[in-house]
Amino acid sequence: MSRKKEHNEEDDLFREALKDVRPLERSRAEPYRRRLAPRPLNLPVGDEDDEQQDLYSEHEIETGEELYFARPGIQKRLMHDLRRGYLEIGAELDLHGLTVRYAREDLNRFLAACHQRGIRCARIIHGKGYGSEGRQPILKQKLNLWLRQREDVLAFTSAPRHDGGTGAAYVLLRNPEKNRRK
């Protein structure tokens, strides 16, 4: 038993709509090509004074797998809440992929903006260093150094796994509305 196609108006309309269609010249799809990862430009560093302004040497501060720093007087409960991600994040900065020079400039602008807006807790994504030469976390080490030198940073710690883990840090900032005691 053979079936005959029923001829109806819809088939005629479909054929009429496709009468100008021509087949593609290629019969295969374009192959998938993996894109190269972006590489930061190694521009000449303008000021070497930035490096000389560091209060600590990179060799004096050990950067382990997890970041952890608290100024004297910071309560253990507050550090526990910061480390667990219980504090509300007011702002976020993504540094990974930047050169050290641009990362420092962005960090300074970001922390100044947080101060102006009265933000107490921020997340800074520095990455895990997989894209850097030697697969070492250069920005993580620099961030550890830079944040310790700032008076407006009370504490910082690596973020929990769901928020970036060891590739991100929570930063507790000084409340700009409270009077600073010296």
N, C-alpha and C. Protein backbone atom coordinates (compact mmCIF):
# COMPACT_ATOMS: atom_id res chain seq x y z
N MET A 1 0.84 -1.18 0.00
CA MET A 1 0.00 0.00 0.00
C MET A 1 0.88 1.24 0.00
N SER A 2 0.70 2.07 -0.93
CA SER A 2 1.47 3.31 -0.97
C SER A 2 0.57 4.48 -0.62
N ARG A 3 1.19 5.37 0.06
CA ARG A 3 0.43 6.57 0.45
C ARG A 3 0.70 7.66 -0.55
N LYS A 4 -0.28 8.31 -0.94
CA LYS A 4 -0.13 9.47 -1.80
C LYS A 4 -0.21 10.71 -0.93
N LYS A 5 0.64 11.65 -1.25
CA LYS A 5 0.59 12.91 -0.49
C LYS A 5 -0.64 13.67 -0.94
N GLU A 6 -1.30 14.13 0.05
CA GLU A 6 -2.47 14.93 -0.27
C GLU A 6 -2.01 16.32 -0.67
N HIS A 7 -2.56 16.79 -1.70
CA HIS A 7 -2.21 18.11 -2.21
C HIS A 7 -3.15 19.12 -1.55
N ASN A 8 -2.55 20.06 -0.82
CA ASN A 8 -3.41 21.06 -0.19
C ASN A 8 -2.81 22.45 -0.38
N GLU A 9 -3.52 23.43 0.05
CA GLU A 9 -3.13 24.82 -0.16
C GLU A 9 -1.90 25.21 0.67
N GLU A 10 -1.73 24.62 1.84
CA GLU A 10 -0.58 24.95 2.68
C GLU A 10 0.73 24.56 2.00
N ASP A 11 0.74 23.38 1.37
CA ASP A 11 1.95 22.96 0.65
C ASP A 11 2.26 23.91 -0.49
N ASP A 12 1.24 24.35 -1.17
CA ASP A 12 1.45 25.29 -2.27
C ASP A 12 2.01 26.61 -1.76
N LEU A 13 1.49 27.10 -0.65
CA LEU A 13 1.98 28.35 -0.07
C LEU A 13 3.44 28.20 0.38
N PHE A 14 3.76 27.06 0.96
CA PHE A 14 5.13 26.81 1.42
C PHE A 14 6.09 26.80 0.23
N ARG A 15 5.75 26.08 -0.80
CA ARG A 15 6.61 26.02 -1.98
C ARG A 15 6.76 27.41 -2.63
N GLU A 16 5.70 28.16 -2.63
CA GLU A 16 5.74 29.51 -3.20
C GLU A 16 6.68 30.41 -2.40
N ALA A 17 6.65 30.26 -1.05
CA ALA A 17 7.51 31.08 -0.19
C ALA A 17 8.99 30.72 -0.36
N LEU A 18 9.29 29.49 -0.68
CA LEU A 18 10.67 29.03 -0.78
C LEU A 18 11.18 28.92 -2.22
N LYS A 19 10.46 29.44 -3.18
CA LYS A 19 10.88 29.25 -4.57
C LYS A 19 12.20 29.94 -4.91
N ASP A 20 12.56 31.03 -4.22
CA ASP A 20 13.81 31.74 -4.49
C ASP A 20 14.99 31.24 -3.65
N VAL A 21 14.77 30.29 -2.79
CA VAL A 21 15.81 29.80 -1.89
C VAL A 21 16.78 28.91 -2.67
N ARG A 22 18.06 29.15 -2.43
CA ARG A 22 19.10 28.34 -3.08
C ARG A 22 19.91 27.64 -1.99
N PRO A 23 20.42 26.48 -2.26
CA PRO A 23 21.23 25.77 -1.25
C PRO A 23 22.54 26.50 -0.99
N LEU A 24 23.08 26.33 0.20
CA LEU A 24 24.35 26.92 0.57
C LEU A 24 25.46 26.31 -0.27
N GLU A 25 26.52 27.09 -0.49
CA GLU A 25 27.64 26.59 -1.28
C GLU A 25 28.41 25.51 -0.54
N ARG A 26 28.54 25.64 0.77
CA ARG A 26 29.24 24.64 1.57
C ARG A 26 28.25 23.65 2.13
N SER A 27 28.70 22.43 2.24
CA SER A 27 27.83 21.42 2.82
C SER A 27 28.20 21.15 4.28
N ARG A 28 29.32 21.73 4.74
CA ARG A 28 29.77 21.51 6.12
C ARG A 28 29.71 22.80 6.92
N ALA A 29 29.54 22.65 8.21
CA ALA A 29 29.54 23.80 9.12
C ALA A 29 30.99 24.21 9.39
N GLU A 30 31.18 25.45 9.76
CA GLU A 30 32.49 25.97 10.11
C GLU A 30 33.00 25.21 11.34
N PRO A 31 34.24 24.72 11.36
CA PRO A 31 34.73 23.97 12.52
C PRO A 31 34.93 24.89 13.72
N TYR A 32 34.80 24.31 14.90
CA TYR A 32 35.00 25.07 16.13
C TYR A 32 36.48 25.38 16.28
N ARG A 33 36.77 26.62 16.57
CA ARG A 33 38.15 27.03 16.81
C ARG A 33 38.24 27.66 18.18
N ARG A 34 39.14 27.14 18.96
CA ARG A 34 39.33 27.65 20.30
C ARG A 34 40.01 29.00 20.22
N ARG A 35 39.43 29.99 20.88
CA ARG A 35 40.01 31.33 20.88
C ARG A 35 41.16 31.41 21.87
N LEU A 36 42.14 32.19 21.52
CA LEU A 36 43.25 32.39 22.43
C LEU A 36 42.82 33.31 23.57
N ALA A 37 43.35 33.05 24.73
CA ALA A 37 43.03 33.88 25.89
C ALA A 37 43.65 35.26 25.69
N PRO A 38 42.97 36.32 26.15
CA PRO A 38 43.54 37.66 26.01
C PRO A 38 44.80 37.78 26.86
N ARG A 39 45.78 38.46 26.34
CA ARG A 39 47.03 38.68 27.07
C ARG A 39 47.15 40.16 27.38
N PRO A 40 47.42 40.50 28.63
CA PRO A 40 47.56 41.92 28.97
C PRO A 40 48.80 42.52 28.31
N LEU A 41 48.69 43.78 28.00
CA LEU A 41 49.82 44.49 27.41
C LEU A 41 50.85 44.78 28.49
N ASN A 42 52.08 44.59 28.17
CA ASN A 42 53.15 44.92 29.11
C ASN A 42 53.67 46.31 28.78
N LEU A 43 52.89 47.30 29.17
CA LEU A 43 53.27 48.68 28.91
C LEU A 43 54.34 49.10 29.91
N PRO A 44 55.17 50.03 29.53
CA PRO A 44 56.20 50.49 30.47
C PRO A 44 55.55 51.14 31.68
N VAL A 45 56.11 50.87 32.82
CA VAL A 45 55.59 51.42 34.06
C VAL A 45 56.05 52.86 34.17
N GLY A 46 55.07 53.76 34.39
CA GLY A 46 55.39 55.18 34.43
C GLY A 46 56.10 55.59 35.71
N ASP A 47 55.56 55.19 36.85
CA ASP A 47 56.14 55.61 38.12
C ASP A 47 56.68 54.40 38.85
N GLU A 48 57.93 54.46 39.19
CA GLU A 48 58.47 53.43 40.04
C GLU A 48 58.31 53.83 41.50
N ASP A 49 57.77 55.02 41.72
CA ASP A 49 57.53 55.48 43.09
C ASP A 49 56.49 54.63 43.78
N ASP A 50 55.53 54.07 43.00
CA ASP A 50 54.50 53.24 43.59
C ASP A 50 55.11 52.06 44.35
N GLU A 51 56.10 51.43 43.75
CA GLU A 51 56.75 50.31 44.40
C GLU A 51 57.51 50.76 45.64
N GLN A 52 58.08 51.97 45.60
CA GLN A 52 58.84 52.46 46.73
C GLN A 52 57.94 52.92 47.86
N GLN A 53 56.67 53.18 47.57
CA GLN A 53 55.74 53.62 48.60
C GLN A 53 55.26 52.46 49.46
N ASP A 54 55.48 51.23 49.02
CA ASP A 54 55.04 50.09 49.80
C ASP A 54 55.74 50.09 51.16
N LEU A 55 54.93 49.94 52.20
CA LEU A 55 55.49 49.92 53.54
C LEU A 55 56.16 48.59 53.85
N TYR A 56 55.67 47.54 53.22
CA TYR A 56 56.21 46.21 53.45
C TYR A 56 56.83 45.70 52.16
N SER A 57 57.78 44.86 52.31
CA SER A 57 58.33 44.16 51.15
C SER A 57 57.47 42.93 50.90
N GLU A 58 57.42 42.51 49.66
CA GLU A 58 56.65 41.30 49.34
C GLU A 58 57.22 40.09 50.07
N HIS A 59 58.50 40.14 50.39
CA HIS A 59 59.13 39.02 51.06
C HIS A 59 58.77 38.96 52.54
N GLU A 60 58.34 40.08 53.11
CA GLU A 60 57.97 40.13 54.51
C GLU A 60 56.59 39.55 54.76
N ILE A 61 55.74 39.55 53.73
CA ILE A 61 54.37 39.08 53.89
C ILE A 61 54.19 37.80 53.10
N GLU A 62 53.85 36.75 53.80
CA GLU A 62 53.64 35.47 53.15
C GLU A 62 52.19 35.38 52.69
N THR A 63 52.00 35.03 51.43
CA THR A 63 50.65 34.86 50.90
C THR A 63 50.40 33.38 50.72
N GLY A 64 49.56 32.84 51.57
CA GLY A 64 49.23 31.42 51.49
C GLY A 64 48.07 31.19 50.53
N GLU A 65 47.47 30.03 50.65
CA GLU A 65 46.33 29.69 49.78
C GLU A 65 45.16 30.63 50.07
N GLU A 66 44.91 30.88 51.36
CA GLU A 66 43.81 31.77 51.74
C GLU A 66 44.37 33.07 52.32
N LEU A 67 43.68 34.16 51.98
CA LEU A 67 44.04 35.46 52.55
C LEU A 67 43.33 35.64 53.87
N TYR A 68 44.01 36.24 54.84
CA TYR A 68 43.39 36.54 56.13
C TYR A 68 44.21 37.64 56.79
N PHE A 69 43.52 38.75 57.11
CA PHE A 69 44.17 39.85 57.80
C PHE A 69 43.12 40.60 58.58
N ALA A 70 43.46 40.95 59.82
CA ALA A 70 42.57 41.76 60.65
C ALA A 70 43.42 42.70 61.49
N ARG A 71 43.04 43.94 61.54
CA ARG A 71 43.73 44.91 62.39
C ARG A 71 43.43 44.60 63.85
N PRO A 72 44.30 45.00 64.73
CA PRO A 72 44.02 44.78 66.16
C PRO A 72 42.71 45.47 66.55
N GLY A 73 41.93 44.77 67.35
CA GLY A 73 40.66 45.32 67.81
C GLY A 73 39.45 44.83 67.02
N ILE A 74 39.67 44.16 65.91
CA ILE A 74 38.53 43.62 65.14
C ILE A 74 38.03 42.38 65.85
N GLN A 75 36.74 42.33 66.10
CA GLN A 75 36.15 41.22 66.84
C GLN A 75 36.18 39.93 66.04
N LYS A 76 36.37 38.84 66.77
CA LYS A 76 36.41 37.52 66.13
C LYS A 76 35.10 37.19 65.44
N ARG A 77 34.00 37.60 66.05
CA ARG A 77 32.68 37.31 65.47
C ARG A 77 32.51 38.05 64.13
N LEU A 78 32.99 39.28 64.06
CA LEU A 78 32.92 40.05 62.82
C LEU A 78 33.77 39.38 61.73
N MET A 79 34.95 38.90 62.10
CA MET A 79 35.80 38.20 61.13
C MET A 79 35.15 36.89 60.69
N HIS A 80 34.50 36.21 61.59
CA HIS A 80 33.78 34.98 61.25
C HIS A 80 32.69 35.27 60.23
N ASP A 81 31.93 36.33 60.48
CA ASP A 81 30.85 36.70 59.56
C ASP A 81 31.40 37.13 58.20
N LEU A 82 32.51 37.85 58.21
CA LEU A 82 33.14 38.29 56.96
C LEU A 82 33.61 37.08 56.16
N ARG A 83 34.28 36.17 56.83
CA ARG A 83 34.83 34.98 56.16
C ARG A 83 33.74 34.09 55.58
N ARG A 84 32.62 34.01 56.25
CA ARG A 84 31.51 33.16 55.79
C ARG A 84 30.63 33.83 54.74
N GLY A 85 30.83 35.12 54.54
CA GLY A 85 30.03 35.83 53.55
C GLY A 85 28.68 36.27 54.08
N TYR A 86 28.58 36.45 55.39
CA TYR A 86 27.30 36.86 55.99
C TYR A 86 27.07 38.37 55.89
N LEU A 87 28.11 39.13 55.67
CA LEU A 87 27.96 40.58 55.57
C LEU A 87 27.51 40.97 54.17
N GLU A 88 26.70 41.99 54.09
CA GLU A 88 26.19 42.44 52.79
C GLU A 88 27.30 43.09 51.97
N ILE A 89 27.45 42.62 50.74
CA ILE A 89 28.46 43.16 49.83
C ILE A 89 27.89 44.41 49.17
N GLY A 90 28.57 45.52 49.36
CA GLY A 90 28.08 46.78 48.81
C GLY A 90 28.60 47.08 47.42
N ALA A 91 29.76 46.51 47.07
CA ALA A 91 30.36 46.77 45.76
C ALA A 91 31.31 45.64 45.41
N GLU A 92 31.61 45.53 44.11
CA GLU A 92 32.49 44.46 43.64
C GLU A 92 33.46 45.01 42.61
N LEU A 93 34.70 44.54 42.66
CA LEU A 93 35.72 44.93 41.70
C LEU A 93 36.36 43.67 41.14
N ASP A 94 36.46 43.58 39.81
CA ASP A 94 37.07 42.43 39.16
C ASP A 94 38.43 42.86 38.59
N LEU A 95 39.50 42.33 39.15
CA LEU A 95 40.86 42.70 38.74
C LEU A 95 41.53 41.65 37.87
N HIS A 96 41.00 40.43 37.85
CA HIS A 96 41.78 39.40 37.17
C HIS A 96 41.87 39.65 35.68
N GLY A 97 43.08 39.42 35.17
CA GLY A 97 43.37 39.71 33.78
C GLY A 97 44.10 41.04 33.59
N LEU A 98 44.16 41.86 34.63
CA LEU A 98 44.83 43.15 34.53
C LEU A 98 46.31 43.03 34.87
N THR A 99 47.09 43.98 34.41
CA THR A 99 48.49 44.05 34.83
C THR A 99 48.52 44.64 36.23
N VAL A 100 49.65 44.50 36.89
CA VAL A 100 49.80 44.99 38.26
C VAL A 100 49.56 46.50 38.31
N ARG A 101 50.08 47.21 37.35
CA ARG A 101 49.94 48.67 37.32
C ARG A 101 48.47 49.09 37.27
N TYR A 102 47.73 48.52 36.34
CA TYR A 102 46.32 48.89 36.19
C TYR A 102 45.47 48.37 37.34
N ALA A 103 45.84 47.23 37.89
CA ALA A 103 45.10 46.68 39.02
C ALA A 103 45.22 47.62 40.23
N ARG A 104 46.40 48.16 40.46
CA ARG A 104 46.58 49.06 41.60
C ARG A 104 45.79 50.35 41.41
N GLU A 105 45.81 50.90 40.20
CA GLU A 105 45.04 52.11 39.92
C GLU A 105 43.55 51.86 40.12
N ASP A 106 43.05 50.75 39.59
CA ASP A 106 41.63 50.41 39.74
C ASP A 106 41.27 50.20 41.20
N LEU A 107 42.14 49.54 41.94
CA LEU A 107 41.89 49.31 43.36
C LEU A 107 41.78 50.62 44.12
N ASN A 108 42.69 51.54 43.87
CA ASN A 108 42.66 52.83 44.56
C ASN A 108 41.39 53.61 44.23
N ARG A 109 41.01 53.63 42.97
CA ARG A 109 39.76 54.31 42.58
C ARG A 109 38.55 53.64 43.21
N PHE A 110 38.55 52.32 43.22
CA PHE A 110 37.43 51.56 43.78
C PHE A 110 37.26 51.83 45.28
N LEU A 111 38.35 51.78 46.01
CA LEU A 111 38.27 52.01 47.46
C LEU A 111 37.88 53.45 47.78
N ALA A 112 38.32 54.39 46.95
CA ALA A 112 37.90 55.79 47.14
C ALA A 112 36.39 55.92 46.89
N ALA A 113 35.88 55.24 45.87
CA ALA A 113 34.44 55.29 45.58
C ALA A 113 33.65 54.62 46.70
N CYS A 114 34.16 53.54 47.25
CA CYS A 114 33.49 52.88 48.38
C CYS A 114 33.43 53.81 49.59
N HIS A 115 34.50 54.53 49.83
CA HIS A 115 34.55 55.48 50.94
C HIS A 115 33.50 56.59 50.75
N GLN A 116 33.41 57.11 49.53
CA GLN A 116 32.44 58.18 49.25
C GLN A 116 31.00 57.69 49.40
N ARG A 117 30.75 56.45 49.02
CA ARG A 117 29.40 55.90 49.08
C ARG A 117 29.06 55.28 50.42
N GLY A 118 30.03 55.22 51.33
CA GLY A 118 29.78 54.68 52.67
C GLY A 118 29.65 53.16 52.70
N ILE A 119 30.32 52.48 51.81
CA ILE A 119 30.24 51.02 51.73
C ILE A 119 31.18 50.42 52.77
N ARG A 120 30.69 49.46 53.52
CA ARG A 120 31.47 48.83 54.58
C ARG A 120 32.14 47.53 54.15
N CYS A 121 31.53 46.80 53.21
CA CYS A 121 32.07 45.51 52.81
C CYS A 121 32.06 45.42 51.28
N ALA A 122 33.17 44.97 50.72
CA ALA A 122 33.29 44.86 49.26
C ALA A 122 33.95 43.52 48.90
N ARG A 123 33.67 43.09 47.69
CA ARG A 123 34.31 41.88 47.17
C ARG A 123 35.27 42.28 46.05
N ILE A 124 36.48 41.78 46.11
CA ILE A 124 37.48 42.04 45.07
C ILE A 124 37.89 40.70 44.47
N ILE A 125 37.69 40.56 43.18
CA ILE A 125 38.05 39.33 42.48
C ILE A 125 39.44 39.53 41.89
N HIS A 126 40.38 38.72 42.33
CA HIS A 126 41.76 38.85 41.87
C HIS A 126 42.18 37.68 40.99
N GLY A 127 41.42 36.62 40.97
CA GLY A 127 41.74 35.45 40.17
C GLY A 127 42.69 34.52 40.91
N LYS A 128 42.89 33.35 40.33
CA LYS A 128 43.73 32.34 40.98
C LYS A 128 45.12 32.24 40.36
N GLY A 129 45.38 33.02 39.33
CA GLY A 129 46.71 33.05 38.76
C GLY A 129 46.96 32.03 37.67
N TYR A 130 45.94 31.33 37.22
CA TYR A 130 46.13 30.30 36.20
C TYR A 130 46.57 30.87 34.86
N GLY A 131 46.24 32.13 34.59
CA GLY A 131 46.60 32.73 33.32
C GLY A 131 47.93 33.45 33.34
N SER A 132 48.55 33.56 34.50
CA SER A 132 49.82 34.29 34.60
C SER A 132 51.00 33.37 34.33
N GLU A 133 52.13 33.99 34.09
CA GLU A 133 53.35 33.23 33.83
C GLU A 133 53.72 32.42 35.06
N GLY A 134 53.96 31.16 34.88
CA GLY A 134 54.29 30.30 36.01
C GLY A 134 53.07 29.89 36.81
N ARG A 135 51.89 30.29 36.37
CA ARG A 135 50.61 29.97 37.03
C ARG A 135 50.62 30.35 38.51
N GLN A 136 51.24 31.48 38.82
CA GLN A 136 51.31 31.98 40.19
C GLN A 136 50.35 33.15 40.34
N PRO A 137 49.68 33.26 41.47
CA PRO A 137 48.70 34.34 41.69
C PRO A 137 49.37 35.68 42.02
N ILE A 138 49.79 36.38 41.00
CA ILE A 138 50.52 37.64 41.20
C ILE A 138 49.61 38.70 41.81
N LEU A 139 48.41 38.87 41.27
CA LEU A 139 47.51 39.90 41.80
C LEU A 139 47.07 39.59 43.23
N LYS A 140 46.94 38.34 43.54
CA LYS A 140 46.57 37.95 44.91
C LYS A 140 47.66 38.39 45.89
N GLN A 141 48.91 38.16 45.53
CA GLN A 141 50.03 38.57 46.39
C GLN A 141 50.08 40.09 46.52
N LYS A 142 49.90 40.78 45.41
CA LYS A 142 49.92 42.25 45.45
C LYS A 142 48.76 42.79 46.27
N LEU A 143 47.59 42.21 46.09
CA LEU A 143 46.41 42.66 46.84
C LEU A 143 46.63 42.48 48.34
N ASN A 144 47.22 41.37 48.72
CA ASN A 144 47.55 41.11 50.12
C ASN A 144 48.46 42.20 50.67
N LEU A 145 49.40 42.62 49.87
CA LEU A 145 50.33 43.67 50.26
C LEU A 145 49.65 45.05 50.31
N TRP A 146 48.92 45.38 49.25
CA TRP A 146 48.31 46.71 49.14
C TRP A 146 47.24 46.96 50.20
N LEU A 147 46.40 45.97 50.45
CA LEU A 147 45.30 46.16 51.41
C LEU A 147 45.82 46.35 52.83
N ARG A 148 46.89 45.68 53.18
CA ARG A 148 47.47 45.83 54.53
C ARG A 148 47.98 47.25 54.76
N GLN A 149 48.38 47.95 53.70
CA GLN A 149 48.95 49.28 53.83
C GLN A 149 47.91 50.38 53.94
N ARG A 150 46.70 50.07 53.63
CA ARG A 150 45.65 51.11 53.62
C ARG A 150 44.99 51.22 54.99
N GLU A 151 44.90 52.44 55.49
CA GLU A 151 44.29 52.69 56.80
C GLU A 151 42.78 52.46 56.77
N ASP A 152 42.17 52.62 55.60
CA ASP A 152 40.71 52.46 55.52
C ASP A 152 40.29 51.00 55.44
N VAL A 153 41.22 50.07 55.34
CA VAL A 153 40.92 48.64 55.32
C VAL A 153 41.12 48.08 56.72
N LEU A 154 40.03 47.60 57.32
CA LEU A 154 40.10 47.03 58.67
C LEU A 154 40.49 45.56 58.63
N ALA A 155 39.97 44.84 57.63
CA ALA A 155 40.23 43.41 57.55
C ALA A 155 39.92 42.93 56.14
N PHE A 156 40.48 41.76 55.80
CA PHE A 156 40.11 41.10 54.56
C PHE A 156 40.37 39.61 54.70
N THR A 157 39.64 38.85 53.92
CA THR A 157 39.75 37.40 53.95
C THR A 157 39.31 36.83 52.61
N SER A 158 39.78 35.63 52.30
CA SER A 158 39.33 34.98 51.08
C SER A 158 37.84 34.70 51.17
N ALA A 159 37.17 34.75 50.04
CA ALA A 159 35.73 34.54 49.99
C ALA A 159 35.42 33.04 50.10
N PRO A 160 34.19 32.70 50.50
CA PRO A 160 33.81 31.29 50.48
C PRO A 160 33.72 30.77 49.04
N ARG A 161 33.67 29.49 48.92
CA ARG A 161 33.71 28.83 47.61
C ARG A 161 32.63 29.34 46.65
N HIS A 162 31.42 29.57 47.15
CA HIS A 162 30.31 29.99 46.28
C HIS A 162 30.48 31.42 45.75
N ASP A 163 31.43 32.16 46.31
CA ASP A 163 31.64 33.55 45.91
C ASP A 163 33.02 33.79 45.29
N GLY A 164 33.67 32.73 44.87
CA GLY A 164 34.97 32.88 44.22
C GLY A 164 36.10 32.17 44.93
N GLY A 165 35.88 31.74 46.15
CA GLY A 165 36.90 31.00 46.89
C GLY A 165 38.19 31.77 47.01
N THR A 166 39.31 31.08 46.76
CA THR A 166 40.62 31.71 46.91
C THR A 166 40.95 32.65 45.75
N GLY A 167 40.02 32.83 44.82
CA GLY A 167 40.21 33.77 43.71
C GLY A 167 39.54 35.10 43.97
N ALA A 168 38.98 35.28 45.16
CA ALA A 168 38.29 36.53 45.51
C ALA A 168 38.50 36.82 46.99
N ALA A 169 38.32 38.06 47.37
CA ALA A 169 38.50 38.45 48.77
C ALA A 169 37.36 39.38 49.19
N TYR A 170 36.93 39.22 50.43
CA TYR A 170 36.02 40.16 51.06
C TYR A 170 36.86 41.17 51.81
N VAL A 171 36.50 42.42 51.69
CA VAL A 171 37.26 43.49 52.35
C VAL A 171 36.32 44.26 53.26
N LEU A 172 36.67 44.40 54.52
CA LEU A 172 35.91 45.18 55.49
C LEU A 172 36.55 46.55 55.58
N LEU A 173 35.76 47.56 55.27
CA LEU A 173 36.28 48.93 55.23
C LEU A 173 35.85 49.71 56.47
N ARG A 174 36.66 50.68 56.81
CA ARG A 174 36.37 51.54 57.96
C ARG A 174 35.10 52.33 57.67
N ASN A 175 34.29 52.50 58.68
CA ASN A 175 33.07 53.30 58.54
C ASN A 175 33.47 54.76 58.46
N PRO A 176 33.22 55.42 57.34
CA PRO A 176 33.67 56.81 57.19
C PRO A 176 32.92 57.78 58.10
N GLU A 177 31.77 57.37 58.63
CA GLU A 177 30.99 58.27 59.46
C GLU A 177 31.43 58.26 60.93
N LYS A 178 32.17 57.23 61.32
CA LYS A 178 32.64 57.18 62.70
C LYS A 178 33.91 58.03 62.81
N ASN A 179 34.07 58.65 63.94
CA ASN A 179 35.27 59.44 64.16
C ASN A 179 36.48 58.52 64.28
N ARG A 180 37.52 58.88 63.58
CA ARG A 180 38.73 58.08 63.66
C ARG A 180 39.50 58.44 64.91
N ARG A 181 39.87 57.42 65.66
CA ARG A 181 40.69 57.61 66.86
C ARG A 181 42.12 57.26 66.52
N LYS A 182 43.03 58.05 66.97
CA LYS A 182 44.44 57.76 66.74
C LYS A 182 45.14 57.55 68.03
